[in-house]
Amino acid sequence: MSQYTVKPGDTLWGIAQSQCGDGSVWPVIYYENRWVIGNNPNLIHPGQVLHVNCPTPGGIWYEVEPGDNLTRIAEKLCGNEDWQKIYNENKNVIGGNPNLIKPGQWLHVVC
């Protein structure tokens, strides 16, 4: 994990592109830094220091839906029940309890 200081004109997409080589991973940076950024991922300020932890290359992004759990997501997207792999890739978004995922969270799923 590295740190990045926001510069004038930065966006989370741009930071993800420059630091991770993939702008689409910006939700990982946002969720990891919500306490710094606040509720609006489109509003970042110069001088804010963000923690950047780039996810594993490849995979897809999945938005958690009501009623989802990691096993159901693994079955739906990967055809297996290997929820642990999804959890390990997304601990920074999910937190310490793999049973507490919330609708609207974006998970990076590598099958």
C-alpha atoms as a PDB file:
ATOM      1  CA  MET A   1       0.000   0.000   0.000  1.00  0.00           C
ATOM      2  CA  SER A   2       1.260   3.441  -0.851  1.00  0.00           C
ATOM      3  CA  GLN A   3       0.165   6.981  -0.133  1.00  0.00           C
ATOM      4  CA  TYR A   4      -0.840   9.586  -2.678  1.00  0.00           C
ATOM      5  CA  THR A   5      -1.326  13.312  -2.062  1.00  0.00           C
ATOM      6  CA  VAL A   6      -4.172  14.778  -4.119  1.00  0.00           C
ATOM      7  CA  LYS A   7      -3.126  17.518  -6.540  1.00  0.00           C
ATOM      8  CA  PRO A   8      -5.314  20.193  -8.179  1.00  0.00           C
ATOM      9  CA  GLY A   9      -7.359  18.673 -10.994  1.00  0.00           C
ATOM     10  CA  ASP A  10      -7.035  15.077  -9.737  1.00  0.00           C
ATOM     11  CA  THR A  11      -9.911  12.621  -9.926  1.00  0.00           C
ATOM     12  CA  LEU A  12     -10.147   9.187  -8.372  1.00  0.00           C
ATOM     13  CA  TRP A  13     -10.215   7.706 -11.874  1.00  0.00           C
ATOM     14  CA  GLY A  14      -7.012   9.563 -12.771  1.00  0.00           C
ATOM     15  CA  ILE A  15      -5.293   8.557  -9.535  1.00  0.00           C
ATOM     16  CA  ALA A  16      -6.265   4.920 -10.098  1.00  0.00           C
ATOM     17  CA  GLN A  17      -4.970   5.120 -13.676  1.00  0.00           C
ATOM     18  CA  SER A  18      -1.635   6.663 -12.683  1.00  0.00           C
ATOM     19  CA  GLN A  19      -1.026   4.552  -9.582  1.00  0.00           C
ATOM     20  CA  CYS A  20      -2.573   1.201 -10.574  1.00  0.00           C
ATOM     21  CA  GLY A  21      -2.547   1.358 -14.362  1.00  0.00           C
ATOM     22  CA  ASP A  22      -6.342   0.967 -14.451  1.00  0.00           C
ATOM     23  CA  GLY A  23      -8.736   3.843 -13.872  1.00  0.00           C
ATOM     24  CA  SER A  24     -11.643   1.482 -13.314  1.00  0.00           C
ATOM     25  CA  VAL A  25     -10.257   0.465  -9.906  1.00  0.00           C
ATOM     26  CA  TRP A  26     -11.140   3.896  -8.457  1.00  0.00           C
ATOM     27  CA  PRO A  27     -13.889   2.390  -6.210  1.00  0.00           C
ATOM     28  CA  VAL A  28     -11.196   0.527  -4.259  1.00  0.00           C
ATOM     29  CA  ILE A  29      -9.377   3.797  -3.588  1.00  0.00           C
ATOM     30  CA  TYR A  30     -12.650   5.482  -2.647  1.00  0.00           C
ATOM     31  CA  TYR A  31     -13.816   2.810  -0.207  1.00  0.00           C
ATOM     32  CA  GLU A  32     -10.390   2.633   1.373  1.00  0.00           C
ATOM     33  CA  ASN A  33     -10.419   6.406   1.914  1.00  0.00           C
ATOM     34  CA  ARG A  34     -14.104   7.251   2.565  1.00  0.00           C
ATOM     35  CA  TRP A  35     -13.216   8.680   5.957  1.00  0.00           C
ATOM     36  CA  VAL A  36     -10.896  11.176   4.216  1.00  0.00           C
ATOM     37  CA  ILE A  37     -13.008  11.868   1.116  1.00  0.00           C
ATOM     38  CA  GLY A  38     -16.505  11.801   2.617  1.00  0.00           C
ATOM     39  CA  ASN A  39     -19.747  10.744   0.930  1.00  0.00           C
ATOM     40  CA  ASN A  40     -19.027  12.170  -2.518  1.00  0.00           C
ATOM     41  CA  PRO A  41     -16.301  10.337  -4.494  1.00  0.00           C
ATOM     42  CA  ASN A  42     -16.378  13.147  -7.073  1.00  0.00           C
ATOM     43  CA  LEU A  43     -15.223  15.693  -4.509  1.00  0.00           C
ATOM     44  CA  ILE A  44     -11.571  15.312  -3.557  1.00  0.00           C
ATOM     45  CA  HIS A  45      -9.366  18.186  -2.434  1.00  0.00           C
ATOM     46  CA  PRO A  46      -5.714  19.043  -3.047  1.00  0.00           C
ATOM     47  CA  GLY A  47      -3.602  18.067  -0.063  1.00  0.00           C
ATOM     48  CA  GLN A  48      -5.707  15.088   0.986  1.00  0.00           C
ATOM     49  CA  VAL A  49      -3.504  12.049   1.577  1.00  0.00           C
ATOM     50  CA  LEU A  50      -5.029   8.829   0.237  1.00  0.00           C
ATOM     51  CA  HIS A  51      -3.990   5.248   0.825  1.00  0.00           C
ATOM     52  CA  VAL A  52      -3.700   3.411  -2.492  1.00  0.00           C
ATOM     53  CA  ASN A  53      -3.887  -0.365  -2.565  1.00  0.00           C
ATOM     54  CA  CYS A  54      -4.161  -1.569  -6.154  1.00  0.00           C
ATOM     55  CA  PRO A  55      -6.231  -4.732  -6.664  1.00  0.00           C
ATOM     56  CA  THR A  56      -5.081  -7.819  -8.525  1.00  0.00           C
ATOM     57  CA  PRO A  57      -5.103  -7.211 -12.299  1.00  0.00           C
ATOM     58  CA  GLY A  58      -7.956  -8.727 -14.268  1.00  0.00           C
ATOM     59  CA  GLY A  59     -11.315  -9.782 -12.979  1.00  0.00           C
ATOM     60  CA  ILE A  60     -14.535  -7.831 -13.032  1.00  0.00           C
ATOM     61  CA  TRP A  61     -16.277  -5.251 -10.847  1.00  0.00           C
ATOM     62  CA  TYR A  62     -19.524  -6.259  -9.172  1.00  0.00           C
ATOM     63  CA  GLU A  63     -21.952  -4.031  -7.291  1.00  0.00           C
ATOM     64  CA  VAL A  64     -23.419  -5.793  -4.269  1.00  0.00           C
ATOM     65  CA  GLU A  65     -27.205  -6.136  -4.524  1.00  0.00           C
ATOM     66  CA  PRO A  66     -29.752  -6.554  -1.716  1.00  0.00           C
ATOM     67  CA  GLY A  67     -29.758 -10.179  -0.513  1.00  0.00           C
ATOM     68  CA  ASP A  68     -26.220 -10.905  -1.762  1.00  0.00           C
ATOM     69  CA  ASN A  69     -23.614 -12.735   0.247  1.00  0.00           C
ATOM     70  CA  LEU A  70     -20.107 -13.723  -0.821  1.00  0.00           C
ATOM     71  CA  THR A  71     -21.040 -17.358  -1.493  1.00  0.00           C
ATOM     72  CA  ARG A  72     -23.931 -16.299  -3.740  1.00  0.00           C
ATOM     73  CA  ILE A  73     -21.662 -13.858  -5.599  1.00  0.00           C
ATOM     74  CA  ALA A  74     -19.012 -16.571  -6.080  1.00  0.00           C
ATOM     75  CA  GLU A  75     -21.644 -18.964  -7.445  1.00  0.00           C
ATOM     76  CA  LYS A  76     -23.143 -16.321  -9.739  1.00  0.00           C
ATOM     77  CA  LEU A  77     -19.883 -14.990 -11.181  1.00  0.00           C
ATOM     78  CA  CYS A  78     -17.404 -17.835 -10.826  1.00  0.00           C
ATOM     79  CA  GLY A  79     -19.545 -20.957 -10.804  1.00  0.00           C
ATOM     80  CA  ASN A  80     -18.148 -22.090  -7.452  1.00  0.00           C
ATOM     81  CA  GLU A  81     -18.458 -21.344  -3.740  1.00  0.00           C
ATOM     82  CA  ASP A  82     -14.955 -19.907  -3.238  1.00  0.00           C
ATOM     83  CA  TRP A  83     -16.153 -16.820  -1.354  1.00  0.00           C
ATOM     84  CA  GLN A  84     -12.836 -16.611   0.531  1.00  0.00           C
ATOM     85  CA  LYS A  85     -11.031 -15.515  -2.633  1.00  0.00           C
ATOM     86  CA  ILE A  86     -13.516 -12.672  -3.140  1.00  0.00           C
ATOM     87  CA  TYR A  87     -13.212 -11.692   0.516  1.00  0.00           C
ATOM     88  CA  ASN A  88      -9.408 -11.675   0.470  1.00  0.00           C
ATOM     89  CA  GLU A  89      -9.402  -9.448  -2.621  1.00  0.00           C
ATOM     90  CA  ASN A  90     -11.873  -7.007  -1.040  1.00  0.00           C
ATOM     91  CA  LYS A  91     -11.057  -6.898   2.692  1.00  0.00           C
ATOM     92  CA  ASN A  92     -10.368  -3.183   2.402  1.00  0.00           C
ATOM     93  CA  VAL A  93     -13.960  -2.631   1.185  1.00  0.00           C
ATOM     94  CA  ILE A  94     -15.776  -5.259   3.272  1.00  0.00           C
ATOM     95  CA  GLY A  95     -13.921  -4.904   6.554  1.00  0.00           C
ATOM     96  CA  GLY A  96     -13.259  -7.565   9.165  1.00  0.00           C
ATOM     97  CA  ASN A  97     -16.514  -9.502   8.854  1.00  0.00           C
ATOM     98  CA  PRO A  98     -17.103 -11.288   5.526  1.00  0.00           C
ATOM     99  CA  ASN A  99     -20.785 -11.712   6.449  1.00  0.00           C
ATOM    100  CA  LEU A 100     -21.382  -7.945   6.431  1.00  0.00           C
ATOM    101  CA  ILE A 101     -21.476  -6.833   2.818  1.00  0.00           C
ATOM    102  CA  LYS A 102     -23.763  -3.970   1.908  1.00  0.00           C
ATOM    103  CA  PRO A 103     -25.758  -3.140  -1.205  1.00  0.00           C
ATOM    104  CA  GLY A 104     -23.927  -0.554  -3.272  1.00  0.00           C
ATOM    105  CA  GLN A 105     -20.422  -1.755  -2.382  1.00  0.00           C
ATOM    106  CA  TRP A 106     -18.221  -2.467  -5.393  1.00  0.00           C
ATOM    107  CA  LEU A 107     -16.217  -5.683  -5.208  1.00  0.00           C
ATOM    108  CA  HIS A 108     -13.351  -6.718  -7.451  1.00  0.00           C
ATOM    109  CA  VAL A 109     -13.922 -10.375  -8.373  1.00  0.00           C
ATOM    110  CA  VAL A 110     -11.154 -12.511  -9.828  1.00  0.00           C
ATOM    111  CA  CYS A 111     -12.355 -16.086 -10.381  1.00  0.00           C
END
